[in-house]
Amino acid sequence: MSPYVHPLDYSSSEARTRFLWLEFDSPPLDPRDRFFARVLRNAPDPLLSDLGDLVTTTLEPPLPIDSELVRKVVPGEATDAAGLTVMQTLVKSDSDLHYLLPLPPGVTSTSPKLFGF
């Protein structure tokens, strides 16, 4: 969805910015709600790798938040943003159904880790 940049004679083009985009069947019910995601695993792309079944499985990393057995929500309480930063906020596109997942923290557009993203 990034702009396609090229000279007038179409002799070359610049690399476009790529994102993982997700399509939902409906927008959030409350317009103030947001969608969140987190990358759970990074593995080689099966089309680029010849590892086949030799790819090791990894456990889902724990969420870095304090455990709560019970949460009491009281009307008039201050906004509680506990745990809000442990996942990435999906970026809304022009459509109410399409969202973009930004690169995970510490990963750049030239990172070799993107071969498994």
C-alpha atoms as a PDB file:
ATOM      1  CA  MET A   1       0.000   0.000   0.000  1.00  0.00           C
ATOM      2  CA  SER A   2       3.035   2.245  -0.192  1.00  0.00           C
ATOM      3  CA  PRO A   3       3.418   4.536  -3.202  1.00  0.00           C
ATOM      4  CA  TYR A   4       4.916   3.128  -6.390  1.00  0.00           C
ATOM      5  CA  VAL A   5       7.830   5.449  -7.237  1.00  0.00           C
ATOM      6  CA  HIS A   6       9.426   5.326 -10.695  1.00  0.00           C
ATOM      7  CA  PRO A   7      11.055   7.655 -13.231  1.00  0.00           C
ATOM      8  CA  LEU A   8       9.044   8.843 -16.239  1.00  0.00           C
ATOM      9  CA  ASP A   9      10.598   6.222 -18.564  1.00  0.00           C
ATOM     10  CA  TYR A  10       9.845   3.322 -16.126  1.00  0.00           C
ATOM     11  CA  SER A  11      13.498   2.233 -16.310  1.00  0.00           C
ATOM     12  CA  SER A  12      13.561   1.373 -12.605  1.00  0.00           C
ATOM     13  CA  SER A  13      11.497   1.562  -9.465  1.00  0.00           C
ATOM     14  CA  GLU A  14      12.177   2.007  -5.778  1.00  0.00           C
ATOM     15  CA  ALA A  15      11.539  -0.762  -3.292  1.00  0.00           C
ATOM     16  CA  ARG A  16       8.099  -0.499  -1.753  1.00  0.00           C
ATOM     17  CA  THR A  17       7.513  -0.686   1.978  1.00  0.00           C
ATOM     18  CA  ARG A  18       5.889  -3.996   2.850  1.00  0.00           C
ATOM     19  CA  PHE A  19       3.627  -4.846   5.749  1.00  0.00           C
ATOM     20  CA  LEU A  20       1.691  -7.811   6.931  1.00  0.00           C
ATOM     21  CA  TRP A  21      -1.939  -6.791   6.564  1.00  0.00           C
ATOM     22  CA  LEU A  22      -4.944  -8.446   8.129  1.00  0.00           C
ATOM     23  CA  GLU A  23      -8.554  -8.368   6.999  1.00  0.00           C
ATOM     24  CA  PHE A  24     -11.332  -8.753   9.569  1.00  0.00           C
ATOM     25  CA  ASP A  25     -14.920  -9.754   8.864  1.00  0.00           C
ATOM     26  CA  SER A  26     -16.254  -6.669  10.643  1.00  0.00           C
ATOM     27  CA  PRO A  27     -14.910  -3.505  12.265  1.00  0.00           C
ATOM     28  CA  PRO A  28     -14.728  -3.245  16.071  1.00  0.00           C
ATOM     29  CA  LEU A  29     -18.174  -2.805  17.601  1.00  0.00           C
ATOM     30  CA  ASP A  30     -17.032   0.252  19.545  1.00  0.00           C
ATOM     31  CA  PRO A  31     -15.201   2.819  17.366  1.00  0.00           C
ATOM     32  CA  ARG A  32     -12.879   3.539  20.322  1.00  0.00           C
ATOM     33  CA  ASP A  33     -11.687  -0.096  20.416  1.00  0.00           C
ATOM     34  CA  ARG A  34      -8.424  -1.145  18.754  1.00  0.00           C
ATOM     35  CA  PHE A  35      -6.995  -4.431  17.494  1.00  0.00           C
ATOM     36  CA  PHE A  36      -3.704  -5.712  18.925  1.00  0.00           C
ATOM     37  CA  ALA A  37      -1.272  -8.453  17.881  1.00  0.00           C
ATOM     38  CA  ARG A  38       2.082  -9.908  18.824  1.00  0.00           C
ATOM     39  CA  VAL A  39       4.540 -12.095  16.985  1.00  0.00           C
ATOM     40  CA  LEU A  40       4.703 -15.479  18.714  1.00  0.00           C
ATOM     41  CA  ARG A  41       7.174 -17.307  16.528  1.00  0.00           C
ATOM     42  CA  ASN A  42       9.789 -16.695  13.892  1.00  0.00           C
ATOM     43  CA  ALA A  43      10.568 -19.590  11.547  1.00  0.00           C
ATOM     44  CA  PRO A  44      12.206 -19.884   8.132  1.00  0.00           C
ATOM     45  CA  ASP A  45       9.929 -19.469   5.148  1.00  0.00           C
ATOM     46  CA  PRO A  46       9.296 -22.998   3.800  1.00  0.00           C
ATOM     47  CA  LEU A  47       9.652 -21.732   0.219  1.00  0.00           C
ATOM     48  CA  LEU A  48      13.106 -20.282   0.940  1.00  0.00           C
ATOM     49  CA  SER A  49      14.429 -23.015   3.220  1.00  0.00           C
ATOM     50  CA  ASP A  50      15.157 -26.684   2.661  1.00  0.00           C
ATOM     51  CA  LEU A  51      14.810 -27.578   6.362  1.00  0.00           C
ATOM     52  CA  GLY A  52      11.385 -29.187   5.918  1.00  0.00           C
ATOM     53  CA  ASP A  53      10.350 -30.988   9.116  1.00  0.00           C
ATOM     54  CA  LEU A  54      13.672 -30.119  10.782  1.00  0.00           C
ATOM     55  CA  VAL A  55      12.421 -26.682  11.838  1.00  0.00           C
ATOM     56  CA  THR A  56      12.387 -26.664  15.615  1.00  0.00           C
ATOM     57  CA  THR A  57       9.198 -25.767  17.434  1.00  0.00           C
ATOM     58  CA  THR A  58       9.291 -23.038  20.028  1.00  0.00           C
ATOM     59  CA  LEU A  59       6.986 -22.359  22.923  1.00  0.00           C
ATOM     60  CA  GLU A  60       4.811 -19.290  22.946  1.00  0.00           C
ATOM     61  CA  PRO A  61       6.597 -16.589  24.947  1.00  0.00           C
ATOM     62  CA  PRO A  62       4.747 -15.499  28.096  1.00  0.00           C
ATOM     63  CA  LEU A  63       3.055 -12.119  28.181  1.00  0.00           C
ATOM     64  CA  PRO A  64       5.236  -9.777  30.269  1.00  0.00           C
ATOM     65  CA  ILE A  65       2.415  -8.618  32.528  1.00  0.00           C
ATOM     66  CA  ASP A  66       1.667  -9.130  36.212  1.00  0.00           C
ATOM     67  CA  SER A  67      -0.812 -11.910  36.857  1.00  0.00           C
ATOM     68  CA  GLU A  68      -4.217 -10.914  38.233  1.00  0.00           C
ATOM     69  CA  LEU A  69      -6.601 -13.465  39.595  1.00  0.00           C
ATOM     70  CA  VAL A  70      -9.435 -10.939  39.801  1.00  0.00           C
ATOM     71  CA  ARG A  71      -9.818  -7.421  38.442  1.00  0.00           C
ATOM     72  CA  LYS A  72     -12.475  -5.168  39.897  1.00  0.00           C
ATOM     73  CA  VAL A  73     -13.654  -2.390  37.586  1.00  0.00           C
ATOM     74  CA  VAL A  74     -15.408   0.436  39.374  1.00  0.00           C
ATOM     75  CA  PRO A  75     -17.307   3.223  37.568  1.00  0.00           C
ATOM     76  CA  GLY A  76     -15.481   6.545  37.744  1.00  0.00           C
ATOM     77  CA  GLU A  77     -12.047   4.952  38.199  1.00  0.00           C
ATOM     78  CA  ALA A  78      -9.066   6.410  36.365  1.00  0.00           C
ATOM     79  CA  THR A  79      -8.116   4.828  33.043  1.00  0.00           C
ATOM     80  CA  ASP A  80      -5.963   1.743  33.578  1.00  0.00           C
ATOM     81  CA  ALA A  81      -3.441   1.084  30.812  1.00  0.00           C
ATOM     82  CA  ALA A  82      -1.848  -1.984  32.457  1.00  0.00           C
ATOM     83  CA  GLY A  83      -0.563  -4.354  29.786  1.00  0.00           C
ATOM     84  CA  LEU A  84      -1.296  -1.963  26.933  1.00  0.00           C
ATOM     85  CA  THR A  85       2.284  -1.980  25.664  1.00  0.00           C
ATOM     86  CA  VAL A  86       2.871  -5.765  25.609  1.00  0.00           C
ATOM     87  CA  MET A  87       1.247  -6.091  22.193  1.00  0.00           C
ATOM     88  CA  GLN A  88       1.465  -3.968  19.063  1.00  0.00           C
ATOM     89  CA  THR A  89      -1.480  -1.860  18.006  1.00  0.00           C
ATOM     90  CA  LEU A  90      -2.580  -2.711  14.478  1.00  0.00           C
ATOM     91  CA  VAL A  91      -2.593   0.330  12.198  1.00  0.00           C
ATOM     92  CA  LYS A  92      -5.965   1.007  10.586  1.00  0.00           C
ATOM     93  CA  SER A  93      -5.982   1.550   6.816  1.00  0.00           C
ATOM     94  CA  ASP A  94      -8.516   3.571   4.835  1.00  0.00           C
ATOM     95  CA  SER A  95     -10.895   0.623   5.228  1.00  0.00           C
ATOM     96  CA  ASP A  96     -12.604  -0.318   8.496  1.00  0.00           C
ATOM     97  CA  LEU A  97     -11.740  -3.970   7.813  1.00  0.00           C
ATOM     98  CA  HIS A  98      -8.022  -3.785   6.899  1.00  0.00           C
ATOM     99  CA  TYR A  99      -5.222  -3.313   9.405  1.00  0.00           C
ATOM    100  CA  LEU A 100      -1.421  -3.351   9.144  1.00  0.00           C
ATOM    101  CA  LEU A 101       0.941  -5.053  11.596  1.00  0.00           C
ATOM    102  CA  PRO A 102       4.066  -2.926  12.129  1.00  0.00           C
ATOM    103  CA  LEU A 103       7.449  -4.631  12.326  1.00  0.00           C
ATOM    104  CA  PRO A 104       8.181  -6.080  15.775  1.00  0.00           C
ATOM    105  CA  PRO A 105      10.411  -4.010  18.076  1.00  0.00           C
ATOM    106  CA  GLY A 106      14.071  -4.416  17.179  1.00  0.00           C
ATOM    107  CA  VAL A 107      13.375  -5.547  13.594  1.00  0.00           C
ATOM    108  CA  THR A 108      14.190  -3.236  10.685  1.00  0.00           C
ATOM    109  CA  SER A 109      13.105  -3.432   7.045  1.00  0.00           C
ATOM    110  CA  THR A 110      16.520  -4.952   6.155  1.00  0.00           C
ATOM    111  CA  SER A 111      16.592  -7.519   8.977  1.00  0.00           C
ATOM    112  CA  PRO A 112      17.228 -11.169   7.989  1.00  0.00           C
ATOM    113  CA  LYS A 113      14.534 -12.132  10.524  1.00  0.00           C
ATOM    114  CA  LEU A 114      11.938 -10.952   7.995  1.00  0.00           C
ATOM    115  CA  PHE A 115      12.556 -14.094   5.949  1.00  0.00           C
ATOM    116  CA  GLY A 116      10.595 -15.880   8.658  1.00  0.00           C
ATOM    117  CA  PHE A 117       8.108 -13.135   9.546  1.00  0.00           C
END
